[in-house]
Amino acid sequence: MHEKMNLLKELQELDQEISSIEAAQQGYRDELETFKTEAARVQEMLDELNGELVFLQQDEAQLQQNLLKERDNIVRVEGRLPEIQTQKEYVAVLKEIDMAKKANNELEEQLQAKQQEISVLEQDQLEKEEELENIGGKANERSAELSELMGETDNALQKRRDARDSVAAELPPALLRKYQTLFKRRGGLALVLARNGACLGCNMKLPPQQFNSLLRVTEIQSCPHCNRLLYVEKQS
């Protein structure tokens, strides 16, 4: 019975180490995934900015075209002044010139506003491109470090799995199944110490007769409260 208990202790220690290594490896993978997620987020923002810039630049081009037409219109109307023969026609042409200049000024204001808007977006675009480049650089650098860590932990993990298989093979199948079920259900703590008449897994008092029986180590027993397997340490 002592041998089975020692095997269970060794098995639980190995399983806890395996779980710890696997958790560390998952952390490495999650860290790399974080870089990918962040890069995708910035890339999406960059794509949106690029799309907005395309539309704004199209608007800018249209405004510039309209402005050129309006300026040509002003030149054309002003060119008629020397040919005017009546006061009424002269006043009408001046009014037309005034309206054309107002339209020209409005277009110039619209063009300046559009160019300012484009300038702001281009700055945002530049910042996002730099941010994306930084993320890529950090990801590449950290990826090399994490690959090395994954290799080291893979070796450590395989050694512990091999040792675990050897230990598990020495236990009775029924006891091994019970241990494995408890290990999963009880957060990696299937086997716990009983001390001063209590289970240290759930901190509940054990029946006195059971605790006394544990001291004799005649059979492997479970806590009546949490169902974990129990063991005691010899008093010196």
Protein backbone atom coordinates (compact mmCIF):
# COMPACT_ATOMS: atom_id res chain seq x y z
CA MET A 1 0.00 0.00 0.00
CA HIS A 2 2.89 2.33 0.77
CA GLU A 3 4.25 1.69 -2.72
CA LYS A 4 0.93 2.61 -4.37
CA MET A 5 0.72 5.79 -2.33
CA ASN A 6 4.26 6.77 -3.28
CA LEU A 7 3.45 6.11 -6.93
CA LEU A 8 0.35 8.31 -6.67
CA LYS A 9 2.40 11.12 -5.11
CA GLU A 10 4.99 10.85 -7.86
CA LEU A 11 2.31 10.70 -10.54
CA GLN A 12 0.55 13.80 -9.22
CA GLU A 13 3.83 15.71 -9.05
CA LEU A 14 4.59 14.80 -12.67
CA ASP A 15 1.06 15.67 -13.80
CA GLN A 16 1.29 19.05 -12.09
CA GLU A 17 4.61 19.75 -13.79
CA ILE A 18 3.14 18.68 -17.13
CA SER A 19 0.13 20.96 -16.61
CA SER A 20 2.43 23.84 -15.69
CA ILE A 21 4.56 23.37 -18.81
CA GLU A 22 1.49 23.05 -21.04
CA ALA A 23 0.06 26.24 -19.52
CA ALA A 24 3.34 28.04 -20.19
CA GLN A 25 3.33 26.86 -23.81
CA GLN A 26 -0.26 28.00 -24.24
CA GLY A 27 0.82 31.36 -22.87
CA TYR A 28 3.54 31.53 -25.54
CA ARG A 29 1.00 30.73 -28.26
CA ASP A 30 -1.46 33.27 -26.86
CA GLU A 31 1.25 35.93 -26.85
CA LEU A 32 1.98 35.32 -30.52
CA GLU A 33 -1.73 35.35 -31.27
CA THR A 34 -1.96 38.73 -29.53
CA PHE A 35 0.56 40.16 -31.99
CA LYS A 36 -1.49 38.78 -34.90
CA THR A 37 -4.72 40.18 -33.46
CA GLU A 38 -3.17 43.60 -32.87
CA ALA A 39 -1.64 43.66 -36.35
CA ALA A 40 -5.00 42.71 -37.89
CA ARG A 41 -6.71 45.50 -35.92
CA VAL A 42 -4.22 48.14 -37.10
CA GLN A 43 -4.33 46.78 -40.67
CA GLU A 44 -8.12 47.07 -40.68
CA MET A 45 -7.86 50.70 -39.55
CA LEU A 46 -5.22 51.32 -42.21
CA ASP A 47 -7.45 49.79 -44.90
CA GLU A 48 -10.31 52.05 -43.81
CA LEU A 49 -8.03 55.10 -43.98
CA ASN A 50 -6.83 54.11 -47.43
CA GLY A 51 -10.43 53.78 -48.60
CA GLU A 52 -11.37 57.17 -47.17
CA LEU A 53 -8.32 58.76 -48.79
CA VAL A 54 -9.30 57.41 -52.19
CA PHE A 55 -12.73 59.04 -51.94
CA LEU A 56 -11.31 62.31 -50.60
CA GLN A 57 -8.71 62.47 -53.36
CA GLN A 58 -11.44 61.89 -55.92
CA ASP A 59 -13.41 64.77 -54.38
CA GLU A 60 -10.27 66.92 -54.42
CA ALA A 61 -9.69 66.19 -58.10
CA GLN A 62 -13.30 67.10 -58.90
CA LEU A 63 -13.03 70.36 -56.96
CA GLN A 64 -9.83 71.28 -58.77
CA GLN A 65 -11.51 70.59 -62.07
CA ASN A 66 -14.52 72.73 -61.10
CA LEU A 67 -12.21 75.49 -59.92
CA LEU A 68 -10.35 75.53 -63.25
CA LYS A 69 -13.66 75.78 -65.08
CA GLU A 70 -14.80 78.65 -62.85
CA ARG A 71 -11.54 80.52 -63.37
CA ASP A 72 -11.86 80.03 -67.13
CA ASN A 73 -15.38 81.36 -66.84
CA ILE A 74 -14.15 84.49 -65.04
CA VAL A 75 -11.52 85.09 -67.74
CA ARG A 76 -14.12 84.56 -70.44
CA VAL A 77 -16.64 86.96 -68.88
CA GLU A 78 -13.99 89.61 -68.16
CA GLY A 79 -12.86 89.31 -71.78
CA ARG A 80 -16.28 90.58 -72.84
CA LEU A 81 -15.88 93.92 -71.01
CA PRO A 82 -14.08 95.76 -73.83
CA GLU A 83 -16.87 94.83 -76.24
CA ILE A 84 -19.69 96.17 -74.06
CA GLN A 85 -21.51 99.17 -75.54
CA THR A 86 -24.34 99.87 -73.09
CA GLN A 87 -24.38 100.67 -69.38
CA LYS A 88 -27.04 98.05 -68.74
CA GLU A 89 -24.99 95.33 -70.38
CA TYR A 90 -21.90 96.52 -68.48
CA VAL A 91 -23.69 96.23 -65.14
CA ALA A 92 -24.97 92.77 -66.04
CA VAL A 93 -21.50 91.57 -66.95
CA LEU A 94 -20.02 93.00 -63.71
CA LYS A 95 -22.69 91.15 -61.77
CA GLU A 96 -21.88 87.96 -63.63
CA ILE A 97 -18.16 88.45 -62.86
CA ASP A 98 -18.95 89.06 -59.18
CA MET A 99 -21.02 85.87 -58.97
CA ALA A 100 -18.31 83.90 -60.75
CA LYS A 101 -15.66 85.19 -58.31
CA LYS A 102 -17.85 84.28 -55.33
CA ALA A 103 -18.29 80.80 -56.76
CA ASN A 104 -14.55 80.67 -57.31
CA ASN A 105 -13.87 81.67 -53.69
CA GLU A 106 -16.29 79.04 -52.40
CA LEU A 107 -14.60 76.38 -54.47
CA GLU A 108 -11.19 77.48 -53.21
CA GLU A 109 -12.44 77.23 -49.60
CA GLN A 110 -13.92 73.81 -50.26
CA LEU A 111 -10.67 72.68 -51.88
CA GLN A 112 -8.57 73.94 -48.96
CA ALA A 113 -10.86 72.19 -46.47
CA LYS A 114 -10.66 68.99 -48.49
CA GLN A 115 -6.88 69.20 -48.71
CA GLN A 116 -6.69 69.76 -44.95
CA GLU A 117 -8.87 66.72 -44.40
CA ILE A 118 -6.62 64.69 -46.68
CA SER A 119 -3.53 65.93 -44.84
CA VAL A 120 -4.95 64.78 -41.49
CA LEU A 121 -5.82 61.36 -42.88
CA GLU A 122 -2.40 61.01 -44.51
CA GLN A 123 -0.81 61.71 -41.12
CA ASP A 124 -3.05 59.09 -39.53
CA GLN A 125 -2.11 56.73 -42.33
CA LEU A 126 1.59 57.29 -41.70
CA GLU A 127 1.16 56.68 -37.97
CA LYS A 128 -0.76 53.45 -38.56
CA GLU A 129 1.87 52.24 -41.02
CA GLU A 130 4.59 52.91 -38.43
CA GLU A 131 2.52 51.19 -35.74
CA LEU A 132 2.03 48.16 -37.97
CA GLU A 133 5.73 48.05 -38.73
CA ASN A 134 6.57 48.22 -35.01
CA ILE A 135 4.15 45.40 -34.23
CA GLY A 136 5.71 43.29 -36.98
CA GLY A 137 9.20 43.99 -35.66
CA LYS A 138 8.27 43.10 -32.09
CA ALA A 139 6.42 40.00 -33.25
CA ASN A 140 9.41 38.77 -35.25
CA GLU A 141 11.80 39.41 -32.39
CA ARG A 142 9.54 37.80 -29.78
CA SER A 143 8.68 34.93 -32.11
CA ALA A 144 12.32 33.88 -32.20
CA GLU A 145 12.48 33.97 -28.40
CA LEU A 146 9.24 32.04 -28.03
CA SER A 147 10.31 29.43 -30.58
CA GLU A 148 13.41 28.80 -28.49
CA LEU A 149 11.31 28.56 -25.32
CA MET A 150 8.85 26.21 -27.02
CA GLY A 151 11.74 23.95 -28.03
CA GLU A 152 13.10 23.88 -24.49
CA THR A 153 9.72 23.19 -22.94
CA ASP A 154 8.93 20.53 -25.56
CA ASN A 155 11.98 18.59 -24.41
CA ALA A 156 11.09 19.01 -20.74
CA LEU A 157 7.49 18.07 -21.43
CA GLN A 158 8.42 14.89 -23.28
CA LYS A 159 10.70 13.76 -20.45
CA ARG A 160 7.94 14.23 -17.89
CA ARG A 161 5.36 12.52 -20.08
CA ASP A 162 7.67 9.52 -20.49
CA ALA A 163 8.24 9.40 -16.72
CA ARG A 164 4.51 9.76 -16.13
CA ASP A 165 3.71 6.85 -18.43
CA SER A 166 6.20 4.67 -16.55
CA VAL A 167 4.71 5.53 -13.17
CA ALA A 168 1.11 5.20 -14.38
CA ALA A 169 1.85 1.73 -15.76
CA GLU A 170 2.69 0.50 -12.25
CA LEU A 171 -0.69 1.48 -10.80
CA PRO A 172 -3.82 -0.69 -10.89
CA PRO A 173 -6.06 0.48 -13.76
CA ALA A 174 -9.06 1.18 -11.49
CA LEU A 175 -6.99 3.31 -9.11
CA LEU A 176 -5.37 5.13 -12.03
CA ARG A 177 -8.77 5.95 -13.55
CA LYS A 178 -10.05 7.28 -10.22
CA TYR A 179 -6.93 9.39 -9.77
CA GLN A 180 -7.16 10.82 -13.31
CA THR A 181 -10.83 11.71 -12.87
CA LEU A 182 -10.12 13.47 -9.57
CA PHE A 183 -7.10 15.27 -11.03
CA LYS A 184 -9.31 16.82 -13.72
CA ARG A 185 -12.25 17.58 -11.45
CA ARG A 186 -10.24 18.93 -8.54
CA GLY A 187 -7.97 21.34 -10.36
CA GLY A 188 -4.85 19.16 -10.43
CA LEU A 189 -5.11 18.01 -6.81
CA ALA A 190 -6.34 14.43 -6.63
CA LEU A 191 -4.18 13.33 -3.72
CA VAL A 192 -4.01 15.45 -0.55
CA LEU A 193 -2.53 15.32 2.91
CA ALA A 194 -4.67 14.61 5.95
CA ARG A 195 -3.40 16.28 9.09
CA ASN A 196 -4.79 16.86 12.58
CA GLY A 197 -7.91 14.92 11.69
CA ALA A 198 -8.79 17.03 8.64
CA CYS A 199 -8.52 16.83 4.84
CA LEU A 200 -6.25 19.62 3.66
CA GLY A 201 -7.91 19.58 0.25
CA CYS A 202 -11.28 20.85 1.48
CA ASN A 203 -10.31 21.64 5.12
CA MET A 204 -13.17 19.51 6.41
CA LYS A 205 -12.87 17.31 9.51
CA LEU A 206 -12.61 13.57 8.90
CA PRO A 207 -14.37 10.96 11.01
CA PRO A 208 -11.95 10.00 13.83
CA GLN A 209 -12.10 6.33 12.91
CA GLN A 210 -11.13 7.10 9.32
CA PHE A 211 -8.20 9.27 10.34
CA ASN A 212 -6.92 6.55 12.66
CA SER A 213 -7.25 4.07 9.80
CA LEU A 214 -5.23 6.38 7.55
CA LEU A 215 -2.38 6.30 10.04
CA ARG A 216 -2.15 2.52 9.65
CA VAL A 217 -2.01 2.82 5.82
CA THR A 218 -3.89 -0.40 5.27
CA GLU A 219 -5.87 0.88 2.28
CA ILE A 220 -6.19 3.94 0.08
CA GLN A 221 -9.10 6.04 1.28
CA SER A 222 -11.03 9.06 0.02
CA CYS A 223 -12.25 12.17 1.80
CA PRO A 224 -16.00 11.79 2.42
CA HIS A 225 -16.47 15.49 1.64
CA CYS A 226 -14.41 16.19 -1.51
CA ASN A 227 -13.66 12.61 -2.57
CA ARG A 228 -9.92 13.29 -2.94
CA LEU A 229 -7.49 10.49 -2.17
CA LEU A 230 -5.88 10.89 1.26
CA TYR A 231 -2.48 10.21 2.74
CA VAL A 232 -0.77 11.01 6.04
CA GLU A 233 2.80 11.79 6.92
CA LYS A 234 4.54 9.74 9.54
CA GLN A 235 5.00 11.59 12.83
CA SER A 236 8.64 11.71 13.87
